[in-house]
Protein backbone atom coordinates (compact mmCIF):
# COMPACT_ATOMS: atom_id res chain seq x y z
CA MET A 1 176.93 27.40 245.36
CA ARG A 2 176.26 29.71 242.36
CA LYS A 3 174.18 27.03 240.60
CA TRP A 4 172.19 26.46 243.80
CA MET A 5 171.44 30.18 244.12
CA ILE A 6 170.30 30.44 240.47
CA GLY A 7 168.02 27.45 240.91
CA ALA A 8 166.53 28.88 244.12
CA THR A 9 165.92 32.23 242.41
CA ALA A 10 164.16 30.55 239.47
CA LEU A 11 161.93 28.54 241.83
CA ALA A 12 161.01 31.65 243.82
CA LEU A 13 160.15 33.60 240.67
CA ALA A 14 158.11 30.67 239.35
CA ALA A 15 156.15 30.59 242.63
CA SER A 16 155.47 34.34 242.33
CA SER A 17 154.27 33.83 238.74
CA SER A 18 151.93 31.01 239.80
CA ALA A 19 150.53 33.07 242.68
CA PHE A 20 149.84 35.99 240.33
CA ALA A 21 148.06 33.64 237.89
CA ARG A 22 145.85 32.33 240.72
CA ASP A 23 145.03 35.87 241.84
CA HIS A 24 144.31 36.83 238.22
CA ASP A 25 141.86 33.93 237.81
CA SER A 26 140.13 34.72 241.13
CA ALA A 27 139.78 38.39 240.24
CA LYS A 28 138.45 37.51 236.80
CA THR A 29 135.81 35.18 238.33
CA ALA A 30 134.74 37.85 240.80
CA SER A 31 134.50 40.40 237.99
CA VAL A 32 132.29 38.10 235.92
CA LYS A 33 129.91 37.58 238.86
CA ALA A 34 129.70 41.30 239.43
CA THR A 35 128.74 42.19 235.87
CA GLY A 36 125.30 40.61 236.11
CA SER A 37 123.48 37.97 234.10
CA ARG A 38 123.08 40.09 230.95
CA SER A 39 126.81 40.65 230.48
CA VAL A 40 127.68 37.04 231.31
CA ALA A 41 125.19 35.77 228.76
CA ALA A 42 126.63 38.09 226.11
CA ALA A 43 130.21 37.10 226.91
CA THR A 44 129.68 33.38 226.50
CA ALA A 45 128.72 33.94 222.85
CA VAL A 46 131.97 35.65 221.85
CA SER A 47 134.77 33.41 220.57
CA GLY A 48 137.62 33.32 218.09
CA ASP A 49 141.39 33.11 217.62
CA TYR A 50 144.05 34.68 219.81
CA VAL A 51 147.77 35.40 219.62
CA GLU A 52 150.05 37.05 222.15
CA SER A 53 153.76 37.77 222.18
CA ARG A 54 155.89 39.27 224.94
CA SER A 55 159.29 40.86 225.33
CA LEU A 56 160.53 37.76 227.16
CA SER A 57 160.42 33.99 226.66
CA VAL A 58 157.49 32.07 228.13
CA TYR A 59 159.35 28.82 227.43
CA ALA A 60 163.03 28.66 228.37
CA GLY A 61 165.67 27.06 230.57
CA ALA A 62 165.70 27.98 234.26
CA CYS A 63 168.68 30.33 234.06
CA HIS A 64 167.24 32.10 231.00
CA TYR A 65 163.90 32.47 232.78
CA GLY A 66 165.48 33.72 235.99
CA GLY A 67 167.47 36.38 234.18
CA GLU A 68 164.59 37.70 232.06
CA ALA A 69 161.98 37.63 234.84
CA VAL A 70 163.51 40.67 236.54
CA THR A 71 164.91 42.47 233.50
CA ALA A 72 162.29 42.01 230.72
CA GLY A 73 158.61 41.30 230.10
CA GLN A 74 157.41 44.88 230.52
CA GLU A 75 155.79 44.77 227.05
CA ALA A 76 153.32 42.50 225.27
CA ILE A 77 151.08 42.48 222.21
CA LEU A 78 147.71 40.71 222.42
CA ALA A 79 145.50 40.11 219.36
CA TRP A 80 141.96 38.79 218.94
CA ARG A 81 140.10 37.68 215.80
CA ILE A 82 136.41 37.23 216.58
CA LYS A 83 134.66 34.44 214.71
CA GLY A 84 131.25 35.12 216.18
CA GLY A 85 129.33 36.64 219.06
CA ALA A 86 127.73 39.81 220.36
CA TRP A 87 128.20 42.27 223.20
CA ASP A 88 126.09 45.24 224.27
CA GLY A 89 123.66 44.33 221.50
CA GLN A 90 126.31 44.56 218.76
CA LYS A 91 127.39 41.67 216.55
CA LEU A 92 131.16 41.43 216.54
CA ASP A 93 131.61 38.71 213.90
CA GLY A 94 134.80 39.09 211.89
CA LEU A 95 136.22 42.01 213.87
CA THR A 96 139.81 42.15 215.12
CA ALA A 97 141.55 44.01 217.91
CA VAL A 98 145.13 44.41 219.13
CA ALA A 99 146.25 45.54 222.58
CA VAL A 100 149.75 46.96 223.02
CA VAL A 101 150.40 46.64 226.75
CA ASN A 102 153.28 47.90 228.85
CA GLY A 103 154.09 48.35 232.51
CA PRO A 104 156.90 49.30 234.88
CA GLU A 105 157.95 45.67 235.47
CA ASN A 106 157.33 42.15 234.17
CA LEU A 107 153.62 42.23 233.31
CA ALA A 108 153.03 38.70 234.58
CA LEU A 109 154.60 39.29 237.98
CA ASN A 110 153.37 42.81 238.73
CA PRO A 111 149.70 43.61 237.98
CA ASN A 112 150.10 47.28 238.87
CA GLY A 113 150.71 50.11 236.46
CA HIS A 114 149.64 48.35 233.26
CA ARG A 115 148.57 50.65 230.43
CA THR A 116 147.24 49.82 226.99
CA LEU A 117 147.06 51.31 223.52
CA LEU A 118 144.12 49.52 221.92
CA TYR A 119 143.64 49.15 218.17
CA VAL A 120 140.22 48.19 216.79
CA ASP A 121 139.49 47.09 213.24
CA ARG A 122 138.55 50.18 211.23
CA SER A 123 135.72 48.26 209.57
CA ALA A 124 133.82 48.35 212.88
CA THR A 125 131.00 50.84 213.27
CA SER A 126 131.23 53.28 216.17
CA ALA A 127 128.74 51.16 218.12
CA GLN A 128 130.69 47.98 217.43
CA ARG A 129 133.93 49.68 218.39
CA ASP A 130 132.48 50.84 221.71
CA ALA A 131 131.09 47.36 222.40
CA LEU A 132 134.40 45.66 221.62
CA VAL A 133 136.38 48.08 223.78
CA ASN A 134 133.90 47.55 226.62
CA LEU A 135 134.14 43.76 226.24
CA LEU A 136 137.93 43.62 226.32
CA SER A 137 138.21 46.15 229.15
CA SER A 138 135.65 44.40 231.32
CA ARG A 139 136.95 40.87 230.80
CA TYR A 140 140.71 41.49 230.65
CA GLY A 141 140.96 44.65 232.73
CA LYS A 142 143.62 43.29 235.09
CA THR A 143 146.00 42.62 232.21
CA LEU A 144 145.15 45.72 230.16
CA GLY A 145 145.14 48.11 233.09
CA GLU A 146 144.36 51.68 232.01
CA VAL A 147 143.35 51.92 228.35
CA ARG A 148 145.10 55.18 227.45
CA GLU A 149 143.96 55.42 223.83
CA VAL A 150 141.78 53.60 221.30
CA ARG A 151 142.72 53.84 217.63
CA SER A 152 140.92 52.61 214.51
CA ALA A 153 143.28 50.82 212.15
CA PRO A 154 143.41 48.21 209.37
CA VAL A 155 144.15 45.24 211.67
CA GLN A 156 145.28 42.19 209.69
CA PHE A 157 145.03 38.84 211.49
CA ASP A 158 145.97 35.98 209.19
CA GLY A 159 146.66 32.32 209.68
CA SER A 160 145.34 29.08 211.05
CA GLY A 161 146.78 25.83 212.28
CA LYS A 162 150.41 26.39 213.20
CA SER A 163 151.27 29.78 211.70
CA TYR A 164 149.83 33.21 212.52
CA ARG A 165 150.59 36.76 211.42
CA VAL A 166 149.20 39.95 212.95
CA ARG A 167 149.95 43.25 211.27
CA ILE A 168 148.95 46.90 211.60
CA PRO A 169 150.89 48.82 208.95
CA GLY A 170 153.34 51.22 210.55
CA ALA A 171 152.52 50.07 214.09
CA VAL A 172 152.44 46.35 214.96
CA TYR A 173 153.81 43.11 213.60
CA VAL A 174 153.72 39.63 215.15
CA ALA A 175 154.83 36.49 213.30
CA ALA A 176 154.34 33.37 215.43
CA ASP A 177 154.60 29.67 214.59
CA GLU A 178 153.69 26.72 216.78
CA PHE A 179 156.32 24.11 217.42
CA PRO A 180 156.21 21.10 215.05
CA CYS A 181 154.79 18.76 217.70
CA ALA A 182 153.33 18.85 221.19
CA LYS A 183 156.30 16.92 222.60
CA CYS A 184 158.67 19.59 221.28
CA VAL A 185 157.77 21.70 224.33
CA MET A 186 158.82 20.44 227.77
CA PRO A 187 156.12 21.48 230.30
CA HIS A 188 158.53 22.01 233.19
CA GLN A 189 160.21 24.81 231.23
CA VAL A 190 157.00 26.74 230.49
CA TRP A 191 157.05 29.51 233.10
CA TYR A 192 154.02 31.65 232.21
CA SER A 193 150.36 31.11 231.38
CA PRO A 194 148.68 33.11 228.58
CA PHE A 195 147.26 36.45 229.63
CA VAL A 196 143.92 35.26 228.22
CA PRO A 197 142.36 31.88 229.17
CA LEU A 198 142.53 29.74 226.03
CA LYS A 199 141.24 26.47 224.67
CA GLY A 200 144.11 24.45 223.24
CA ALA A 201 146.78 26.98 224.21
CA GLN A 202 150.07 26.30 222.46
CA VAL A 203 153.45 27.86 223.10
CA ALA A 204 154.72 29.38 219.87
CA ARG A 205 158.00 30.72 218.55
CA ALA A 206 157.77 34.38 217.66
CA LEU A 207 159.87 34.98 214.58
CA ARG A 208 159.33 38.70 214.94
CA THR A 209 157.44 40.90 217.41
CA GLU A 210 157.44 44.65 216.87
CA PHE A 211 155.73 47.81 218.01
CA LYS A 212 156.91 50.93 216.21
CA ALA A 213 154.08 53.48 216.36
CA SER A 214 154.35 56.84 218.07
CA ALA A 215 152.24 57.08 221.23
CA PRO A 216 152.72 58.92 224.54
CA GLN A 217 154.15 56.63 227.26
CA PHE A 218 154.56 53.72 224.84
CA SER A 219 158.12 53.01 223.76
CA THR A 220 158.87 51.23 220.52
CA TRP A 221 160.32 47.73 220.92
CA SER A 222 161.05 44.57 218.99
CA LYS A 223 162.18 41.01 219.61
CA ASP A 224 163.31 38.32 217.16
CA GLU A 225 163.41 34.54 217.29
CA ALA A 226 162.11 33.92 220.82
CA ASN A 227 159.79 31.41 222.49
CA SER A 228 157.67 34.34 223.61
CA ALA A 229 154.24 33.64 222.13
CA TYR A 230 150.98 31.79 222.69
CA ILE A 231 148.36 30.74 220.14
CA GLY A 232 144.89 29.40 220.90
CA GLU A 233 141.13 29.92 220.88
CA PHE A 234 139.34 32.21 223.32
CA SER A 235 135.70 31.97 224.38
CA LEU A 236 133.74 34.41 226.54
């Protein structure tokens, strides 16, 4: 009986996660239509690399998933490295940004109450910074929620292929590696989609995820050796 109840709970939570993902995609599509042709045209030109890591596993056994879904996942770190593109008339080539997101419950299952501390590469001009903040807020607003603060920082986004490292000295660290092969990940045990639509999204193992800066309403947190990350390419 206990095994049956755990399995039923996992299936119910998975259904809630899928429903939220569908709502997220529908809301995103509606938002894109509402922005007008100028913004849509600008967005399609922006692309690059992306890494995210959460305070729960996106790939795990059913019991592990069921336990974490209601007790963890209130935090995530999202990072972008822009290879090319422009927004609001500003070229964004080579810029990086990191969003530290938290909420009252599992971010993937409850879209309400999200808040974000956003870091933008300090090499950006003020105009570029404003354009990048506007881009991320307009396209990923449902995930980011209320952007409480924007900070300029030396954002380091290194890696390609199967290994990525994101670092903001004194604030953020993410070390994520893809699994050795595609067949190393069993699809029926992947419970969450990336917060950002990706081309070639790959589940990754986060060796270390850490947020340790001081910021109002943002608690420090860390997680080691967890299947809590995604790596891929974004395109807007």
